[in-house]
Amino acid sequence: MTWSPSTGSDSQVRVARTAWQPGAHRNALDEPRPFSDQFATYFDRFEQVLDAVLERFETNYFEICGRLEELLAILSPGPDHAEMLL
């Protein structure tokens, strides 16, 4: 299974992959890397990225749920109402 981003250019994806991938895996079956200040900084930055992604998801999720609730209240939605989903 491969990851296919829905947004961002190929170069943005390459930069993101290059920036995060080296710290994500150990080398083959070698021992895990020792815990260091460098790894702690790396992990803290990665956690900040995940926090930002989750924040955006939560914000959009509740916005979309609000729109869906508005649509559910309409007895006979028409084509104009479909634009509310965009």
C-alpha atoms as a PDB file:
ATOM      1  CA  MET A   1       0.000   0.000   0.000  1.00  0.00           C
ATOM      2  CA  THR A   2       1.424   3.381  -0.911  1.00  0.00           C
ATOM      3  CA  TRP A   3       0.573   6.759   0.512  1.00  0.00           C
ATOM      4  CA  SER A   4      -1.040   9.104  -1.980  1.00  0.00           C
ATOM      5  CA  PRO A   5      -1.366  12.680  -0.744  1.00  0.00           C
ATOM      6  CA  SER A   6      -4.511  14.543  -1.697  1.00  0.00           C
ATOM      7  CA  THR A   7      -2.836  17.928  -1.384  1.00  0.00           C
ATOM      8  CA  GLY A   8       0.653  19.270  -1.884  1.00  0.00           C
ATOM      9  CA  SER A   9       3.035  19.073  -4.769  1.00  0.00           C
ATOM     10  CA  ASP A  10       5.382  16.182  -5.417  1.00  0.00           C
ATOM     11  CA  SER A  11       8.297  18.294  -4.222  1.00  0.00           C
ATOM     12  CA  GLN A  12       6.505  19.061  -0.932  1.00  0.00           C
ATOM     13  CA  VAL A  13       5.897  15.354  -0.408  1.00  0.00           C
ATOM     14  CA  ARG A  14       9.559  14.554  -1.143  1.00  0.00           C
ATOM     15  CA  VAL A  15      10.727  17.216   1.327  1.00  0.00           C
ATOM     16  CA  ALA A  16       8.392  15.896   4.023  1.00  0.00           C
ATOM     17  CA  ARG A  17       9.448  12.300   3.395  1.00  0.00           C
ATOM     18  CA  THR A  18      13.144  13.237   3.389  1.00  0.00           C
ATOM     19  CA  ALA A  19      12.791  15.243   6.593  1.00  0.00           C
ATOM     20  CA  TRP A  20      10.942  12.636   8.672  1.00  0.00           C
ATOM     21  CA  GLN A  21      11.841   9.230   7.291  1.00  0.00           C
ATOM     22  CA  PRO A  22      15.427   8.838   8.569  1.00  0.00           C
ATOM     23  CA  GLY A  23      14.398   9.014  12.214  1.00  0.00           C
ATOM     24  CA  ALA A  24      11.383   6.810  11.779  1.00  0.00           C
ATOM     25  CA  HIS A  25      13.138   3.480  11.276  1.00  0.00           C
ATOM     26  CA  ARG A  26      16.169   1.682  12.534  1.00  0.00           C
ATOM     27  CA  ASN A  27      18.706   0.375  10.048  1.00  0.00           C
ATOM     28  CA  ALA A  28      17.512  -3.099   9.013  1.00  0.00           C
ATOM     29  CA  LEU A  29      17.684  -5.362  12.065  1.00  0.00           C
ATOM     30  CA  ASP A  30      20.323  -3.339  13.900  1.00  0.00           C
ATOM     31  CA  GLU A  31      19.790  -2.375  17.499  1.00  0.00           C
ATOM     32  CA  PRO A  32      17.522   0.636  17.967  1.00  0.00           C
ATOM     33  CA  ARG A  33      19.336   3.958  18.121  1.00  0.00           C
ATOM     34  CA  PRO A  34      20.142   5.162  21.618  1.00  0.00           C
ATOM     35  CA  PHE A  35      17.912   7.851  23.090  1.00  0.00           C
ATOM     36  CA  SER A  36      19.665  11.195  22.738  1.00  0.00           C
ATOM     37  CA  ASP A  37      18.946  14.914  22.908  1.00  0.00           C
ATOM     38  CA  GLN A  38      18.884  14.940  19.104  1.00  0.00           C
ATOM     39  CA  PHE A  39      16.207  12.238  19.047  1.00  0.00           C
ATOM     40  CA  ALA A  40      14.210  14.001  21.764  1.00  0.00           C
ATOM     41  CA  THR A  41      14.236  17.178  19.652  1.00  0.00           C
ATOM     42  CA  TYR A  42      13.262  15.190  16.546  1.00  0.00           C
ATOM     43  CA  PHE A  43      10.410  13.477  18.375  1.00  0.00           C
ATOM     44  CA  ASP A  44       9.192  16.770  19.874  1.00  0.00           C
ATOM     45  CA  ARG A  45       9.068  18.361  16.397  1.00  0.00           C
ATOM     46  CA  PHE A  46       7.207  15.345  15.015  1.00  0.00           C
ATOM     47  CA  GLU A  47       4.708  15.537  17.863  1.00  0.00           C
ATOM     48  CA  GLN A  48       4.160  19.237  17.081  1.00  0.00           C
ATOM     49  CA  VAL A  49       3.351  18.302  13.475  1.00  0.00           C
ATOM     50  CA  LEU A  50       0.842  15.696  14.648  1.00  0.00           C
ATOM     51  CA  ASP A  51      -0.726  18.241  17.037  1.00  0.00           C
ATOM     52  CA  ALA A  52      -1.149  20.722  14.171  1.00  0.00           C
ATOM     53  CA  VAL A  53      -2.689  18.068  11.900  1.00  0.00           C
ATOM     54  CA  LEU A  54      -5.095  16.958  14.627  1.00  0.00           C
ATOM     55  CA  GLU A  55      -6.090  20.562  15.342  1.00  0.00           C
ATOM     56  CA  ARG A  56      -6.933  21.150  11.658  1.00  0.00           C
ATOM     57  CA  PHE A  57      -8.856  17.887  11.514  1.00  0.00           C
ATOM     58  CA  GLU A  58     -10.878  18.711  14.628  1.00  0.00           C
ATOM     59  CA  THR A  59     -11.689  22.201  13.358  1.00  0.00           C
ATOM     60  CA  ASN A  60     -12.842  20.944   9.966  1.00  0.00           C
ATOM     61  CA  TYR A  61     -14.691  17.980  11.433  1.00  0.00           C
ATOM     62  CA  PHE A  62     -16.950  20.120  13.600  1.00  0.00           C
ATOM     63  CA  GLU A  63     -17.507  22.618  10.779  1.00  0.00           C
ATOM     64  CA  ILE A  64     -18.605  19.844   8.432  1.00  0.00           C
ATOM     65  CA  CYS A  65     -20.836  18.269  11.099  1.00  0.00           C
ATOM     66  CA  GLY A  66     -22.527  21.657  11.559  1.00  0.00           C
ATOM     67  CA  ARG A  67     -23.181  21.923   7.836  1.00  0.00           C
ATOM     68  CA  LEU A  68     -24.582  18.387   7.722  1.00  0.00           C
ATOM     69  CA  GLU A  69     -26.911  19.146  10.633  1.00  0.00           C
ATOM     70  CA  GLU A  70     -28.176  22.226   8.771  1.00  0.00           C
ATOM     71  CA  LEU A  71     -28.834  20.100   5.681  1.00  0.00           C
ATOM     72  CA  LEU A  72     -30.628  17.439   7.705  1.00  0.00           C
ATOM     73  CA  ALA A  73     -33.035  20.105   8.967  1.00  0.00           C
ATOM     74  CA  ILE A  74     -34.088  20.949   5.394  1.00  0.00           C
ATOM     75  CA  LEU A  75     -37.129  18.899   4.370  1.00  0.00           C
ATOM     76  CA  SER A  76     -36.538  19.104   0.607  1.00  0.00           C
ATOM     77  CA  PRO A  77     -32.923  19.978  -0.161  1.00  0.00           C
ATOM     78  CA  GLY A  78     -32.225  21.105  -3.703  1.00  0.00           C
ATOM     79  CA  PRO A  79     -29.139  21.608  -5.876  1.00  0.00           C
ATOM     80  CA  ASP A  80     -28.392  24.950  -4.219  1.00  0.00           C
ATOM     81  CA  HIS A  81     -28.045  23.182  -0.882  1.00  0.00           C
ATOM     82  CA  ALA A  82     -25.361  20.880  -2.298  1.00  0.00           C
ATOM     83  CA  GLU A  83     -23.029  23.877  -2.417  1.00  0.00           C
ATOM     84  CA  MET A  84     -23.088  23.898   1.383  1.00  0.00           C
ATOM     85  CA  LEU A  85     -20.922  20.777   1.251  1.00  0.00           C
ATOM     86  CA  LEU A  86     -18.102  22.489  -0.601  1.00  0.00           C
END
